[in-house]
């Protein structure tokens, strides 16, 4: 509440823009993820909790790796992801939060990034030793484990899959759940990092949707213009909006796409909300809405 109280007023936004160089900074949701997991009956991924799983539970277990963007600024998405996984018959566990460090790397604080990466990798590799797969929601943060982390940690970089990469392999489990979903057509706006660093992961979303009786068309767009914190920097705002207008603006404004669009990137969803006041759901949230 203290952060939001400071960041929300217009005078503070003007102050931030002029003296800090940041505009339209997002507000914290204020939702307690800890309380939400207790309500859902989801445990934290600790070696102690993992040891208590039965063989059947462990075979269906998956560890959701947190990132700062979704955990603190889009908390409902994390809750929805855990909820959907449970509805599909999996046993989700939530990894305790540790800073990913990606923003540090982007802004050139390489020593600080290496330190954060090492601390995070130690925890994630420890959890991975259980044999339970690790998955992440946010593309840029998750793909950092196979790119930026690899550069500083080499083979010690933790193996974290994009959630759709893992779900696409759970064909039998998903098809068993198809009858729980009402069919519909949707269109995907993918994150730039996915399209360049994990090309096949875009088709993975189509596989996941198809296995659950949904149709998913991939719309060919360029960058949304947000690019992490780039679009929040005062000097880049106008350029950011111009980039958005090149492809995203037409797609979002098209009446034929109303209620059918879904976007994988946190920054992309932030950009559409900021410019067009359109709140796009994540693919996980779309699937959750289709449950009967």
Protein backbone atom coordinates (compact mmCIF):
# COMPACT_ATOMS: atom_id res chain seq x y z
CA UNK A 1 0.00 0.00 0.00
CA UNK A 2 2.87 2.37 0.77
CA UNK A 3 4.43 1.83 -2.69
CA UNK A 4 1.11 2.31 -4.48
CA UNK A 5 0.29 5.37 -2.38
CA UNK A 6 3.52 6.98 -3.56
CA UNK A 7 3.35 5.87 -7.20
CA UNK A 8 -0.32 6.45 -8.07
CA UNK A 9 -0.82 10.25 -7.65
CA UNK A 10 -0.38 12.34 -10.80
CA UNK A 11 2.06 14.72 -9.10
CA UNK A 12 4.28 11.75 -8.22
CA UNK A 13 4.10 10.46 -11.79
CA UNK A 14 5.26 13.88 -13.03
CA UNK A 15 8.06 13.88 -10.46
CA UNK A 16 9.17 10.38 -11.54
CA UNK A 17 9.12 11.36 -15.20
CA UNK A 18 11.16 14.52 -14.68
CA UNK A 19 13.70 13.49 -12.05
CA UNK A 20 13.85 9.68 -12.19
CA UNK A 21 13.20 9.24 -15.89
CA UNK A 22 10.41 6.67 -15.47
CA UNK A 23 6.77 6.92 -16.55
CA UNK A 24 3.68 4.76 -16.09
CA UNK A 25 5.34 2.57 -13.48
CA UNK A 26 3.06 -0.39 -12.65
CA UNK A 27 1.37 -0.73 -9.28
CA UNK A 28 1.69 -3.74 -6.98
CA UNK A 29 -1.45 -5.89 -6.82
CA UNK A 30 -1.37 -6.10 -3.03
CA UNK A 31 -2.61 -9.68 -3.26
CA UNK A 32 -0.89 -12.13 -0.93
CA UNK A 33 0.36 -15.04 -2.98
CA UNK A 34 1.14 -16.88 0.25
CA UNK A 35 -2.49 -16.70 1.39
CA UNK A 36 -3.70 -17.66 -2.08
CA UNK A 37 -1.57 -20.81 -2.14
CA UNK A 38 -2.90 -21.81 1.27
CA UNK A 39 -6.46 -21.40 -0.01
CA UNK A 40 -5.67 -23.45 -3.13
CA UNK A 41 -3.89 -26.12 -1.14
CA UNK A 42 -0.66 -25.57 -3.05
CA UNK A 43 2.62 -26.11 -1.18
CA UNK A 44 5.92 -24.36 -1.67
CA UNK A 45 8.54 -26.35 -3.48
CA UNK A 46 10.96 -27.32 -0.74
CA UNK A 47 12.84 -30.59 -0.49
CA UNK A 48 10.89 -31.32 2.70
CA UNK A 49 7.52 -30.88 1.00
CA UNK A 50 8.65 -32.84 -2.04
CA UNK A 51 9.74 -35.73 0.18
CA UNK A 52 6.17 -35.98 1.48
CA UNK A 53 4.66 -36.54 -1.98
CA UNK A 54 3.46 -40.02 -2.85
CA UNK A 55 4.88 -41.69 -5.95
CA UNK A 56 1.66 -40.90 -7.84
CA UNK A 57 1.70 -37.24 -6.77
CA UNK A 58 5.35 -36.84 -7.66
CA UNK A 59 4.73 -38.27 -11.14
CA UNK A 60 2.20 -35.48 -11.74
CA UNK A 61 4.12 -32.73 -9.94
CA UNK A 62 5.50 -29.57 -11.54
CA UNK A 63 7.33 -26.66 -9.92
CA UNK A 64 6.27 -23.16 -10.93
CA UNK A 65 9.24 -20.76 -10.80
CA UNK A 66 8.27 -17.26 -9.74
CA UNK A 67 9.35 -14.02 -11.41
CA UNK A 68 8.92 -10.51 -10.02
CA UNK A 69 6.65 -9.25 -12.81
CA UNK A 70 3.91 -11.85 -12.47
CA UNK A 71 4.26 -12.52 -8.73
CA UNK A 72 4.03 -8.87 -7.68
CA UNK A 73 2.40 -6.96 -10.55
CA UNK A 74 0.16 -9.72 -11.99
CA UNK A 75 -0.44 -11.92 -8.96
CA UNK A 76 -3.81 -13.18 -10.28
CA UNK A 77 -1.97 -14.76 -13.23
CA UNK A 78 0.18 -16.86 -10.89
CA UNK A 79 -2.93 -17.90 -8.96
CA UNK A 80 -4.75 -18.73 -12.20
CA UNK A 81 -1.80 -20.81 -13.40
CA UNK A 82 -1.74 -22.86 -10.21
CA UNK A 83 -5.52 -23.24 -10.39
CA UNK A 84 -5.47 -24.46 -14.02
CA UNK A 85 -2.69 -26.95 -13.30
CA UNK A 86 -4.74 -28.40 -10.45
CA UNK A 87 -7.86 -28.55 -12.63
CA UNK A 88 -5.87 -30.49 -15.23
CA UNK A 89 -4.92 -33.08 -12.62
CA UNK A 90 -1.35 -31.99 -11.96
CA UNK A 91 0.26 -31.33 -8.58
CA UNK A 92 1.72 -27.82 -8.76
CA UNK A 93 4.33 -26.60 -6.28
CA UNK A 94 5.45 -22.98 -6.02
CA UNK A 95 9.17 -22.27 -5.86
CA UNK A 96 10.08 -19.76 -3.12
CA UNK A 97 10.74 -16.37 -4.68
CA UNK A 98 14.30 -15.39 -5.51
CA UNK A 99 15.29 -12.52 -7.78
CA UNK A 100 15.88 -13.67 -11.36
CA UNK A 101 18.28 -10.80 -12.07
CA UNK A 102 17.27 -10.27 -15.71
CA UNK A 103 16.58 -6.51 -15.25
CA UNK A 104 20.08 -6.12 -13.76
CA UNK A 105 21.59 -7.76 -16.84
CA UNK A 106 19.54 -5.58 -19.21
CA UNK A 107 20.76 -2.38 -17.53
CA UNK A 108 24.40 -3.46 -17.46
CA UNK A 109 24.83 -4.36 -13.79
CA UNK A 110 26.64 -7.53 -14.77
CA UNK A 111 28.36 -8.29 -11.45
CA UNK A 112 25.10 -7.89 -9.55
CA UNK A 113 23.37 -10.06 -12.14
CA UNK A 114 25.99 -12.81 -11.81
CA UNK A 115 25.53 -12.79 -8.03
CA UNK A 116 21.72 -12.96 -8.30
CA UNK A 117 21.94 -15.68 -10.95
CA UNK A 118 24.23 -17.81 -8.80
CA UNK A 119 21.94 -17.53 -5.75
CA UNK A 120 18.83 -18.33 -7.79
CA UNK A 121 20.51 -21.21 -9.63
CA UNK A 122 21.58 -22.80 -6.35
CA UNK A 123 17.96 -22.96 -5.19
CA UNK A 124 16.51 -24.08 -8.53
CA UNK A 125 19.15 -26.76 -9.13
CA UNK A 126 18.46 -28.08 -5.66
CA UNK A 127 14.77 -28.37 -6.49
CA UNK A 128 15.52 -29.89 -9.90
CA UNK A 129 17.49 -32.65 -8.18
CA UNK A 130 14.11 -34.05 -7.11
CA UNK A 131 13.39 -34.92 -10.73
CA UNK A 132 10.32 -32.66 -10.85
CA UNK A 133 10.30 -30.32 -13.87
CA UNK A 134 10.63 -26.55 -13.43
CA UNK A 135 8.45 -24.20 -15.50
CA UNK A 136 8.06 -20.43 -15.77
CA UNK A 137 5.26 -18.14 -16.93
CA UNK A 138 6.97 -14.98 -18.17
CA UNK A 139 8.92 -15.58 -21.44
CA UNK A 140 11.73 -13.04 -21.02
CA UNK A 141 12.46 -14.10 -17.44
CA UNK A 142 12.18 -17.83 -18.12
CA UNK A 143 14.29 -17.81 -21.28
CA UNK A 144 17.02 -15.98 -19.35
CA UNK A 145 17.87 -19.33 -17.75
CA UNK A 146 19.00 -20.75 -21.11
CA UNK A 147 20.59 -17.57 -22.43
CA UNK A 148 21.95 -14.97 -19.96
CA UNK A 149 22.34 -17.52 -17.16
CA UNK A 150 24.20 -19.87 -19.47
CA UNK A 151 26.76 -17.15 -20.21
CA UNK A 152 27.68 -16.65 -16.55
CA UNK A 153 27.00 -20.10 -15.09
CA UNK A 154 27.65 -22.46 -17.99
CA UNK A 155 26.35 -25.96 -17.30
CA UNK A 156 25.25 -24.87 -13.83
CA UNK A 157 22.41 -22.85 -15.35
CA UNK A 158 19.10 -24.33 -14.15
CA UNK A 159 16.82 -25.98 -16.71
CA UNK A 160 13.51 -24.13 -16.62
CA UNK A 161 10.96 -24.71 -19.37
CA UNK A 162 8.36 -22.29 -20.61
CA UNK A 163 5.04 -23.54 -19.27
CA UNK A 164 3.73 -24.31 -22.76
CA UNK A 165 6.85 -26.35 -23.59
CA UNK A 166 6.10 -28.63 -20.67
CA UNK A 167 2.31 -28.71 -21.14
CA UNK A 168 2.67 -29.63 -24.82
CA UNK A 169 4.36 -32.88 -23.73
CA UNK A 170 1.50 -33.82 -21.40
CA UNK A 171 -0.71 -34.94 -24.30
CA UNK A 172 -2.50 -37.82 -22.57
CA UNK A 173 -3.25 -35.82 -19.43
CA UNK A 174 -4.61 -32.88 -21.43
CA UNK A 175 -6.77 -34.98 -23.75
CA UNK A 176 -8.29 -36.67 -20.70
CA UNK A 177 -9.41 -33.18 -19.61
CA UNK A 178 -10.84 -32.05 -22.98
CA UNK A 179 -14.46 -32.66 -21.95
CA UNK A 180 -14.06 -30.13 -19.14
CA UNK A 181 -13.61 -27.31 -21.67
CA UNK A 182 -16.07 -25.52 -23.94
CA UNK A 183 -14.49 -25.08 -27.42
CA UNK A 184 -13.69 -21.64 -28.84
CA UNK A 185 -11.31 -19.80 -31.19
CA UNK A 186 -8.53 -17.50 -29.99
CA UNK A 187 -5.60 -15.55 -31.45
CA UNK A 188 -2.13 -15.42 -29.92
CA UNK A 189 0.16 -12.39 -29.72
CA UNK A 190 3.55 -13.83 -28.80
CA UNK A 191 6.43 -12.16 -26.98
CA UNK A 192 9.45 -11.17 -29.10
CA UNK A 193 11.82 -13.20 -26.95
CA UNK A 194 9.79 -16.36 -27.58
CA UNK A 195 9.67 -15.71 -31.32
CA UNK A 196 13.43 -15.32 -31.55
CA UNK A 197 14.85 -17.56 -28.80
CA UNK A 198 12.25 -20.33 -28.61
CA UNK A 199 10.50 -20.47 -31.97
CA UNK A 200 8.93 -23.89 -31.44
CA UNK A 201 7.32 -22.74 -28.19
CA UNK A 202 4.77 -20.73 -30.16
CA UNK A 203 3.49 -23.92 -31.80
CA UNK A 204 3.53 -25.53 -28.36
CA UNK A 205 0.71 -23.18 -27.36
CA UNK A 206 -1.27 -24.34 -30.38
CA UNK A 207 -0.64 -27.95 -29.34
CA UNK A 208 -1.83 -27.25 -25.79
CA UNK A 209 -4.96 -25.45 -26.97
CA UNK A 210 -5.68 -28.17 -29.53
CA UNK A 211 -5.38 -30.92 -26.93
CA UNK A 212 -7.99 -29.10 -24.86
CA UNK A 213 -10.40 -28.68 -27.74
CA UNK A 214 -9.54 -25.05 -28.51
CA UNK A 215 -8.37 -23.37 -31.72
CA UNK A 216 -5.47 -20.94 -31.54
CA UNK A 217 -4.30 -18.78 -34.43
CA UNK A 218 -0.91 -17.05 -34.19
CA UNK A 219 -1.02 -13.43 -35.36
CA UNK A 220 2.17 -12.16 -36.96
CA UNK A 221 3.17 -8.95 -35.20
CA UNK A 222 6.39 -7.07 -34.53
CA UNK A 223 7.55 -5.74 -31.19
CA UNK A 224 4.89 -4.19 -28.94
CA UNK A 225 7.35 -1.40 -28.09
CA UNK A 226 7.52 -1.94 -24.33
CA UNK A 227 10.60 -4.20 -24.32
CA UNK A 228 10.89 -4.67 -20.57
CA UNK A 229 11.52 -1.29 -18.93
CA UNK A 230 12.38 0.45 -22.23
CA UNK A 231 8.85 1.77 -22.73
CA UNK A 232 8.75 3.09 -19.17
CA UNK A 233 11.81 5.30 -19.65
CA UNK A 234 10.91 8.95 -20.29
CA UNK A 235 13.29 9.29 -23.22
CA UNK A 236 11.76 6.28 -24.97
CA UNK A 237 8.02 6.78 -24.47
CA UNK A 238 7.24 8.29 -27.87
CA UNK A 239 9.38 5.75 -29.71
CA UNK A 240 7.76 2.97 -27.72
CA UNK A 241 4.29 4.12 -28.75
CA UNK A 242 5.32 4.46 -32.40
CA UNK A 243 6.62 0.89 -32.41
CA UNK A 244 3.31 -0.26 -30.94
CA UNK A 245 1.41 1.57 -33.69
CA UNK A 246 3.27 -0.33 -36.43
CA UNK A 247 1.45 -3.64 -35.85
CA UNK A 248 -0.06 -4.15 -32.41
CA UNK A 249 -2.41 -1.16 -32.51
CA UNK A 250 -4.30 -2.41 -35.59
CA UNK A 251 -4.69 -5.92 -34.19
CA UNK A 252 -5.94 -4.76 -30.79
CA UNK A 253 -8.33 -2.20 -32.33
CA UNK A 254 -9.84 -4.66 -34.81
CA UNK A 255 -13.43 -5.40 -33.67
CA UNK A 256 -13.12 -8.94 -35.06
CA UNK A 257 -10.48 -9.65 -32.39
CA UNK A 258 -12.52 -8.46 -29.42
CA UNK A 259 -12.48 -11.10 -26.70
CA UNK A 260 -10.30 -13.42 -28.75
CA UNK A 261 -6.79 -12.08 -28.17
CA UNK A 262 -4.28 -13.50 -25.71
CA UNK A 263 -0.70 -12.36 -25.08
CA UNK A 264 2.18 -14.23 -23.46
CA UNK A 265 4.39 -11.32 -22.43
CA UNK A 266 3.98 -9.23 -19.29
CA UNK A 267 5.40 -6.17 -21.07
CA UNK A 268 3.04 -6.71 -24.03
CA UNK A 269 0.01 -6.86 -21.77
CA UNK A 270 1.23 -3.74 -19.97
CA UNK A 271 1.58 -1.90 -23.28
CA UNK A 272 -1.93 -2.69 -24.53
CA UNK A 273 -3.36 -1.64 -21.15
CA UNK A 274 -1.37 1.59 -21.14
CA UNK A 275 -2.07 2.71 -24.71
CA UNK A 276 -5.46 1.21 -25.61
CA UNK A 277 -6.80 0.48 -22.11
CA UNK A 278 -7.30 -3.13 -23.24
CA UNK A 279 -6.46 -5.84 -20.72
CA UNK A 280 -5.30 -8.91 -22.61
CA UNK A 281 -5.32 -12.25 -20.77
CA UNK A 282 -2.45 -14.73 -20.70
CA UNK A 283 -3.13 -18.04 -22.53
CA UNK A 284 -3.41 -19.81 -19.17
CA UNK A 285 -6.19 -17.43 -18.15
CA UNK A 286 -8.01 -17.99 -21.45
CA UNK A 287 -7.97 -21.74 -20.87
CA UNK A 288 -9.15 -21.35 -17.29
CA UNK A 289 -12.12 -19.29 -18.53
CA UNK A 290 -13.09 -22.09 -20.91
CA UNK A 291 -13.60 -24.61 -18.12
CA UNK A 292 -17.17 -25.81 -17.83
